[in-house]
Every structure is written in C-alpha cells, then in structure tokens.
C-alpha cells in the first residue's frame, strides 16, 4: 500500500512540474498554446514520475539482493 501511495505522489509531483513548465513555454506563444503546453507537460511529467519511481524500486530490490548474496568477511 505504501509503494502505491509513493508512486501516486511522485506521479502527481512530476505532473505538476511538467504542466507548469509546459504552460510557461506555451504561454510565450499564445493563450491556446499555454493550455496545450500545460496538458502535454502534465502527461509527460506523470510518465516520468512513474518511470522514475519504478526504476528506484527496481534498483533498491537489486541492491538488497546483491547485499544478501555477498558473504560477510570474518
């Protein structure tokens, strides 16, 4: 449950950042471009947030597996 919440929060955070950047860039062109830029930026940000979270969890699992397989020095 905790990982699902973390994924949702990361996706929302990156979506908001992407929407803000897209709207700012689009706003330099016109009002309609600002709206479109915000939508496209939000979609891109959500995709990045989800991909980044899954990559972090995969890295953490791999690191834990490798640490458990390495024998301790005595």
PDB file of N, CA and C in Angstrom:
ATOM      1  N   UNK A   1       0.821  -1.188   0.000  1.00  0.00           N
ATOM      2  CA  UNK A   1       0.000   0.000   0.000  1.00  0.00           C
ATOM      3  C   UNK A   1       0.871   1.259   0.000  1.00  0.00           C
ATOM      4  N   UNK A   2       1.952   1.188   0.771  1.00  0.00           N
ATOM      5  CA  UNK A   2       2.833   2.343   0.866  1.00  0.00           C
ATOM      6  C   UNK A   2       3.487   2.670  -0.481  1.00  0.00           C
ATOM      7  N   UNK A   3       3.855   1.632  -1.219  1.00  0.00           N
ATOM      8  CA  UNK A   3       4.506   1.871  -2.508  1.00  0.00           C
ATOM      9  C   UNK A   3       3.524   2.460  -3.521  1.00  0.00           C
ATOM     10  N   UNK A   4       2.252   2.071  -3.433  1.00  0.00           N
ATOM     11  CA  UNK A   4       1.243   2.645  -4.335  1.00  0.00           C
ATOM     12  C   UNK A   4       1.040   4.127  -4.041  1.00  0.00           C
ATOM     13  N   UNK A   5       1.058   4.485  -2.777  1.00  0.00           N
ATOM     14  CA  UNK A   5       0.908   5.904  -2.405  1.00  0.00           C
ATOM     15  C   UNK A   5       2.120   6.692  -2.872  1.00  0.00           C
ATOM     16  N   UNK A   6       3.307   6.116  -2.681  1.00  0.00           N
ATOM     17  CA  UNK A   6       4.528   6.791  -3.110  1.00  0.00           C
ATOM     18  C   UNK A   6       4.533   7.008  -4.625  1.00  0.00           C
ATOM     19  N   UNK A   7       4.087   5.998  -5.380  1.00  0.00           N
ATOM     20  CA  UNK A   7       4.013   6.117  -6.835  1.00  0.00           C
ATOM     21  C   UNK A   7       3.041   7.210  -7.242  1.00  0.00           C
ATOM     22  N   UNK A   8       1.881   7.257  -6.581  1.00  0.00           N
ATOM     23  CA  UNK A   8       0.873   8.266  -6.913  1.00  0.00           C
ATOM     24  C   UNK A   8       1.363   9.673  -6.593  1.00  0.00           C
ATOM     25  N   UNK A   9       2.033   9.833  -5.464  1.00  0.00           N
ATOM     26  CA  UNK A   9       2.538  11.154  -5.078  1.00  0.00           C
ATOM     27  C   UNK A   9       3.642  11.600  -6.029  1.00  0.00           C
ATOM     28  N   UNK A  10       4.549  10.692  -6.377  1.00  0.00           N
ATOM     29  CA  UNK A  10       5.613  11.044  -7.326  1.00  0.00           C
ATOM     30  C   UNK A  10       5.037  11.402  -8.686  1.00  0.00           C
ATOM     31  N   UNK A  11       4.054  10.633  -9.132  1.00  0.00           N
ATOM     32  CA  UNK A  11       3.429  10.911 -10.425  1.00  0.00           C
ATOM     33  C   UNK A  11       2.768  12.285 -10.407  1.00  0.00           C
ATOM     34  N   UNK A  12       2.072  12.606  -9.327  1.00  0.00           N
ATOM     35  CA  UNK A  12       1.405  13.904  -9.221  1.00  0.00           C
ATOM     36  C   UNK A  12       2.413  15.053  -9.151  1.00  0.00           C
ATOM     37  N   UNK A  13       3.502  14.839  -8.414  1.00  0.00           N
ATOM     38  CA  UNK A  13       4.530  15.883  -8.292  1.00  0.00           C
ATOM     39  C   UNK A  13       5.157  16.198  -9.644  1.00  0.00           C
ATOM     40  N   UNK A  14       5.565  15.166 -10.357  1.00  0.00           N
ATOM     41  CA  UNK A  14       6.185  15.387 -11.658  1.00  0.00           C
ATOM     42  C   UNK A  14       5.185  15.902 -12.686  1.00  0.00           C
ATOM     43  N   UNK A  15       3.928  15.487 -12.568  1.00  0.00           N
ATOM     44  CA  UNK A  15       2.891  16.000 -13.478  1.00  0.00           C
ATOM     45  C   UNK A  15       2.691  17.491 -13.267  1.00  0.00           C
ATOM     46  N   UNK A  16       2.680  17.944 -12.011  1.00  0.00           N
ATOM     47  CA  UNK A  16       2.513  19.368 -11.729  1.00  0.00           C
ATOM     48  C   UNK A  16       3.704  20.179 -12.243  1.00  0.00           C
ATOM     49  N   UNK A  17       4.892  19.658 -12.043  1.00  0.00           N
ATOM     50  CA  UNK A  17       6.088  20.354 -12.538  1.00  0.00           C
ATOM     51  C   UNK A  17       6.070  20.422 -14.065  1.00  0.00           C
ATOM     52  N   UNK A  18       5.743  19.300 -14.703  1.00  0.00           N
ATOM     53  CA  UNK A  18       5.691  19.270 -16.161  1.00  0.00           C
ATOM     54  C   UNK A  18       4.628  20.196 -16.715  1.00  0.00           C
ATOM     55  N   UNK A  19       3.469  20.249 -16.049  1.00  0.00           N
ATOM     56  CA  UNK A  19       2.397  21.137 -16.507  1.00  0.00           C
ATOM     57  C   UNK A  19       2.802  22.597 -16.379  1.00  0.00           C
ATOM     58  N   UNK A  20       3.468  22.931 -15.295  1.00  0.00           N
ATOM     59  CA  UNK A  20       3.908  24.322 -15.104  1.00  0.00           C
ATOM     60  C   UNK A  20       4.931  24.730 -16.161  1.00  0.00           C
ATOM     61  N   UNK A  21       5.869  23.857 -16.429  1.00  0.00           N
ATOM     62  CA  UNK A  21       6.888  24.171 -17.439  1.00  0.00           C
ATOM     63  C   UNK A  21       6.256  24.252 -18.827  1.00  0.00           C
ATOM     64  N   UNK A  22       5.379  23.296 -19.148  1.00  0.00           N
ATOM     65  CA  UNK A  22       4.716  23.306 -20.453  1.00  0.00           C
ATOM     66  C   UNK A  22       3.852  24.538 -20.660  1.00  0.00           C
ATOM     67  N   UNK A  23       3.128  24.934 -19.604  1.00  0.00           N
ATOM     68  CA  UNK A  23       2.282  26.129 -19.716  1.00  0.00           C
ATOM     69  C   UNK A  23       3.128  27.390 -19.850  1.00  0.00           C
ATOM     70  N   UNK A  24       4.244  27.444 -19.147  1.00  0.00           N
ATOM     71  CA  UNK A  24       5.112  28.623 -19.246  1.00  0.00           C
ATOM     72  C   UNK A  24       5.700  28.754 -20.646  1.00  0.00           C
ATOM     73  N   UNK A  25       6.157  27.653 -21.196  1.00  0.00           N
ATOM     74  CA  UNK A  25       6.728  27.693 -22.546  1.00  0.00           C
ATOM     75  C   UNK A  25       5.637  28.019 -23.569  1.00  0.00           C
ATOM     76  N   UNK A  26       4.485  27.373 -23.430  1.00  0.00           N
ATOM     77  CA  UNK A  26       3.384  27.646 -24.342  1.00  0.00           C
ATOM     78  C   UNK A  26       2.852  29.050 -24.206  1.00  0.00           C
ATOM     79  N   UNK A  27       2.910  29.599 -23.002  1.00  0.00           N
ATOM     80  CA  UNK A  27       2.446  30.968 -22.764  1.00  0.00           C
ATOM     81  C   UNK A  27       3.265  32.010 -23.490  1.00  0.00           C
ATOM     82  N   UNK A  28       4.481  31.671 -23.843  1.00  0.00           N
ATOM     83  CA  UNK A  28       5.297  32.600 -24.615  1.00  0.00           C
ATOM     84  C   UNK A  28       4.756  32.763 -26.035  1.00  0.00           C
ATOM     85  N   UNK A  29       3.991  31.754 -26.489  1.00  0.00           N
ATOM     86  CA  UNK A  29       3.460  31.784 -27.835  1.00  0.00           C
ATOM     87  C   UNK A  29       2.062  32.398 -27.856  1.00  0.00           C
ATOM     88  N   UNK A  30       1.126  31.779 -27.135  1.00  0.00           N
ATOM     89  CA  UNK A  30      -0.243  32.282 -27.082  1.00  0.00           C
ATOM     90  C   UNK A  30      -0.994  31.624 -25.926  1.00  0.00           C
ATOM     91  N   UNK A  31      -2.211  32.080 -25.705  1.00  0.00           N
ATOM     92  CA  UNK A  31      -3.026  31.528 -24.628  1.00  0.00           C
ATOM     93  C   UNK A  31      -3.410  30.076 -24.924  1.00  0.00           C
ATOM     94  N   UNK A  32      -3.769  29.802 -26.162  1.00  0.00           N
ATOM     95  CA  UNK A  32      -4.117  28.426 -26.528  1.00  0.00           C
ATOM     96  C   UNK A  32      -2.908  27.500 -26.415  1.00  0.00           C
ATOM     97  N   UNK A  33      -1.757  27.976 -26.770  1.00  0.00           N
ATOM     98  CA  UNK A  33      -0.546  27.162 -26.671  1.00  0.00           C
ATOM     99  C   UNK A  33      -0.191  26.911 -25.208  1.00  0.00           C
ATOM    100  N   UNK A  34      -0.517  27.849 -24.338  1.00  0.00           N
ATOM    101  CA  UNK A  34      -0.258  27.648 -22.912  1.00  0.00           C
ATOM    102  C   UNK A  34      -1.106  26.512 -22.373  1.00  0.00           C
ATOM    103  N   UNK A  35      -2.354  26.452 -22.786  1.00  0.00           N
ATOM    104  CA  UNK A  35      -3.243  25.385 -22.352  1.00  0.00           C
ATOM    105  C   UNK A  35      -2.760  24.022 -22.863  1.00  0.00           C
ATOM    106  N   UNK A  36      -2.412  23.985 -24.128  1.00  0.00           N
ATOM    107  CA  UNK A  36      -1.927  22.740 -24.722  1.00  0.00           C
ATOM    108  C   UNK A  36      -0.595  22.328 -24.102  1.00  0.00           C
ATOM    109  N   UNK A  37       0.280  23.292 -23.904  1.00  0.00           N
ATOM    110  CA  UNK A  37       1.584  23.005 -23.293  1.00  0.00           C
ATOM    111  C   UNK A  37       1.442  22.469 -21.881  1.00  0.00           C
ATOM    112  N   UNK A  38       0.491  23.012 -21.132  1.00  0.00           N
ATOM    113  CA  UNK A  38       0.259  22.517 -19.785  1.00  0.00           C
ATOM    114  C   UNK A  38      -0.235  21.087 -19.778  1.00  0.00           C
ATOM    115  N   UNK A  39      -1.142  20.763 -20.704  1.00  0.00           N
ATOM    116  CA  UNK A  39      -1.667  19.397 -20.786  1.00  0.00           C
ATOM    117  C   UNK A  39      -0.579  18.406 -21.193  1.00  0.00           C
ATOM    118  N   UNK A  40       0.181  18.762 -22.214  1.00  0.00           N
ATOM    119  CA  UNK A  40       1.244  17.869 -22.689  1.00  0.00           C
ATOM    120  C   UNK A  40       2.342  17.740 -21.625  1.00  0.00           C
ATOM    121  N   UNK A  41       2.681  18.837 -20.982  1.00  0.00           N
ATOM    122  CA  UNK A  41       3.686  18.797 -19.918  1.00  0.00           C
ATOM    123  C   UNK A  41       3.242  17.955 -18.739  1.00  0.00           C
ATOM    124  N   UNK A  42       1.963  18.038 -18.393  1.00  0.00           N
ATOM    125  CA  UNK A  42       1.440  17.213 -17.306  1.00  0.00           C
ATOM    126  C   UNK A  42       1.503  15.732 -17.628  1.00  0.00           C
ATOM    127  N   UNK A  43       1.156  15.382 -18.849  1.00  0.00           N
ATOM    128  CA  UNK A  43       1.224  13.987 -19.271  1.00  0.00           C
ATOM    129  C   UNK A  43       2.666  13.483 -19.267  1.00  0.00           C
ATOM    130  N   UNK A  44       3.566  14.288 -19.791  1.00  0.00           N
ATOM    131  CA  UNK A  44       4.978  13.894 -19.805  1.00  0.00           C
ATOM    132  C   UNK A  44       5.524  13.778 -18.383  1.00  0.00           C
ATOM    133  N   UNK A  45       5.155  14.721 -17.520  1.00  0.00           N
ATOM    134  CA  UNK A  45       5.619  14.679 -16.137  1.00  0.00           C
ATOM    135  C   UNK A  45       5.111  13.459 -15.395  1.00  0.00           C
ATOM    136  N   UNK A  46       3.848  13.094 -15.608  1.00  0.00           N
ATOM    137  CA  UNK A  46       3.298  11.905 -14.958  1.00  0.00           C
ATOM    138  C   UNK A  46       4.017  10.645 -15.425  1.00  0.00           C
ATOM    139  N   UNK A  47       4.328  10.583 -16.702  1.00  0.00           N
ATOM    140  CA  UNK A  47       5.049   9.432 -17.242  1.00  0.00           C
ATOM    141  C   UNK A  47       6.446   9.341 -16.643  1.00  0.00           C
ATOM    142  N   UNK A  48       7.121  10.453 -16.557  1.00  0.00           N
ATOM    143  CA  UNK A  48       8.469  10.484 -15.972  1.00  0.00           C
ATOM    144  C   UNK A  48       8.421  10.094 -14.502  1.00  0.00           C
ATOM    145  N   UNK A  49       7.442  10.619 -13.766  1.00  0.00           N
ATOM    146  CA  UNK A  49       7.325  10.299 -12.346  1.00  0.00           C
ATOM    147  C   UNK A  49       7.103   8.819 -12.099  1.00  0.00           C
ATOM    148  N   UNK A  50       6.261   8.195 -12.910  1.00  0.00           N
ATOM    149  CA  UNK A  50       6.000   6.763 -12.737  1.00  0.00           C
ATOM    150  C   UNK A  50       7.220   5.938 -13.120  1.00  0.00           C
ATOM    151  N   UNK A  51       7.881   6.301 -14.195  1.00  0.00           N
ATOM    152  CA  UNK A  51       9.070   5.574 -14.642  1.00  0.00           C
ATOM    153  C   UNK A  51      10.189   5.697 -13.626  1.00  0.00           C
ATOM    154  N   UNK A  52      10.362   6.879 -13.106  1.00  0.00           N
ATOM    155  CA  UNK A  52      11.431   7.098 -12.136  1.00  0.00           C
ATOM    156  C   UNK A  52      11.192   6.311 -10.853  1.00  0.00           C
ATOM    157  N   UNK A  53       9.954   6.274 -10.392  1.00  0.00           N
ATOM    158  CA  UNK A  53       9.635   5.535  -9.176  1.00  0.00           C
ATOM    159  C   UNK A  53       9.863   4.044  -9.368  1.00  0.00           C
ATOM    160  N   UNK A  54       9.441   3.501 -10.509  1.00  0.00           N
ATOM    161  CA  UNK A  54       9.638   2.072 -10.742  1.00  0.00           C
ATOM    162  C   UNK A  54      11.117   1.743 -10.894  1.00  0.00           C
ATOM    163  N   UNK A  55      11.884   2.641 -11.464  1.00  0.00           N
ATOM    164  CA  UNK A  55      13.326   2.415 -11.593  1.00  0.00           C
ATOM    165  C   UNK A  55      13.993   2.428 -10.226  1.00  0.00           C
ATOM    166  N   UNK A  56      13.573   3.330  -9.338  1.00  0.00           N
ATOM    167  CA  UNK A  56      14.139   3.375  -7.993  1.00  0.00           C
ATOM    168  C   UNK A  56      13.827   2.104  -7.220  1.00  0.00           C
ATOM    169  N   UNK A  57      12.592   1.614  -7.330  1.00  0.00           N
ATOM    170  CA  UNK A  57      12.234   0.396  -6.605  1.00  0.00           C
ATOM    171  C   UNK A  57      12.987  -0.810  -7.151  1.00  0.00           C
ATOM    172  N   UNK A  58      13.194  -0.866  -8.455  1.00  0.00           N
ATOM    173  CA  UNK A  58      13.955  -1.963  -9.053  1.00  0.00           C
ATOM    174  C   UNK A  58      15.400  -1.919  -8.589  1.00  0.00           C
ATOM    175  N   UNK A  59      15.975  -0.729  -8.523  1.00  0.00           N
ATOM    176  CA  UNK A  59      17.349  -0.571  -8.058  1.00  0.00           C
ATOM    177  C   UNK A  59      17.469  -0.998  -6.595  1.00  0.00           C
ATOM    178  N   UNK A  60      16.497  -0.614  -5.772  1.00  0.00           N
ATOM    179  CA  UNK A  60      16.527  -0.978  -4.359  1.00  0.00           C
ATOM    180  C   UNK A  60      16.447  -2.488  -4.178  1.00  0.00           C
ATOM    181  N   UNK A  61      15.567  -3.141  -4.925  1.00  0.00           N
ATOM    182  CA  UNK A  61      15.454  -4.602  -4.850  1.00  0.00           C
ATOM    183  C   UNK A  61      16.749  -5.278  -5.277  1.00  0.00           C
ATOM    184  N   UNK A  62      17.357  -4.796  -6.344  1.00  0.00           N
ATOM    185  CA  UNK A  62      18.606  -5.377  -6.833  1.00  0.00           C
ATOM    186  C   UNK A  62      19.713  -5.198  -5.805  1.00  0.00           C
ATOM    187  N   UNK A  63      19.801  -4.017  -5.211  1.00  0.00           N
ATOM    188  CA  UNK A  63      20.829  -3.748  -4.208  1.00  0.00           C
ATOM    189  C   UNK A  63      20.661  -4.663  -3.002  1.00  0.00           C
ATOM    190  N   UNK A  64      19.424  -4.851  -2.530  1.00  0.00           N
ATOM    191  CA  UNK A  64      19.174  -5.724  -1.387  1.00  0.00           C
ATOM    192  C   UNK A  64      19.519  -7.171  -1.712  1.00  0.00           C
ATOM    193  N   UNK A  65      19.213  -7.599  -2.922  1.00  0.00           N
ATOM    194  CA  UNK A  65      19.530  -8.969  -3.333  1.00  0.00           C
ATOM    195  C   UNK A  65      21.035  -9.177  -3.373  1.00  0.00           C
ATOM    196  N   UNK A  66      21.749  -8.232  -3.939  1.00  0.00           N
ATOM    197  CA  UNK A  66      23.207  -8.367  -4.018  1.00  0.00           C
ATOM    198  C   UNK A  66      23.858  -8.327  -2.645  1.00  0.00           C
ATOM    199  N   UNK A  67      23.354  -7.521  -1.738  1.00  0.00           N
ATOM    200  CA  UNK A  67      23.915  -7.444  -0.399  1.00  0.00           C
ATOM    201  C   UNK A  67      23.675  -8.725   0.377  1.00  0.00           C
ATOM    202  N   UNK A  68      22.555  -9.375   0.140  1.00  0.00           N
ATOM    203  CA  UNK A  68      22.268 -10.616   0.861  1.00  0.00           C
ATOM    204  C   UNK A  68      23.095 -11.786   0.320  1.00  0.00           C
ATOM    205  N   UNK A  69      23.548 -11.692  -0.928  1.00  0.00           N
ATOM    206  CA  UNK A  69      24.325 -12.764  -1.529  1.00  0.00           C
ATOM    207  C   UNK A  69      25.817 -12.657  -1.234  1.00  0.00           C
ATOM    208  N   UNK A  70      26.289 -11.476  -0.858  1.00  0.00           N
ATOM    209  CA  UNK A  70      27.720 -11.278  -0.595  1.00  0.00           C
ATOM    210  C   UNK A  70      28.041 -11.831   0.795  1.00  0.00           C
ATOM    211  N   UNK A  71      29.014 -12.781   0.900  1.00  0.00           N
ATOM    212  CA  UNK A  71      29.356 -13.326   2.224  1.00  0.00           C
ATOM    213  C   UNK A  71      30.082 -12.270   3.049  1.00  0.00           C
ATOM    214  N   UNK A  72      29.850 -12.312   4.346  1.00  0.00           N
ATOM    215  CA  UNK A  72      30.496 -11.362   5.264  1.00  0.00           C
ATOM    216  C   UNK A  72      31.946 -11.765   5.482  1.00  0.00           C
ATOM    217  N   UNK A  73      32.847 -10.791   5.593  1.00  0.00           N
ATOM    218  CA  UNK A  73      34.252 -11.040   5.871  1.00  0.00           C
ATOM    219  C   UNK A  73      34.426 -11.273   7.365  1.00  0.00           C
ATOM    220  N   UNK A  74      35.084 -12.379   7.704  1.00  0.00           N
ATOM    221  CA  UNK A  74      35.343 -12.668   9.126  1.00  0.00           C
ATOM    222  C   UNK A  74      36.809 -12.739   9.391  1.00  0.00           C
TER     223      UNK A  74
END
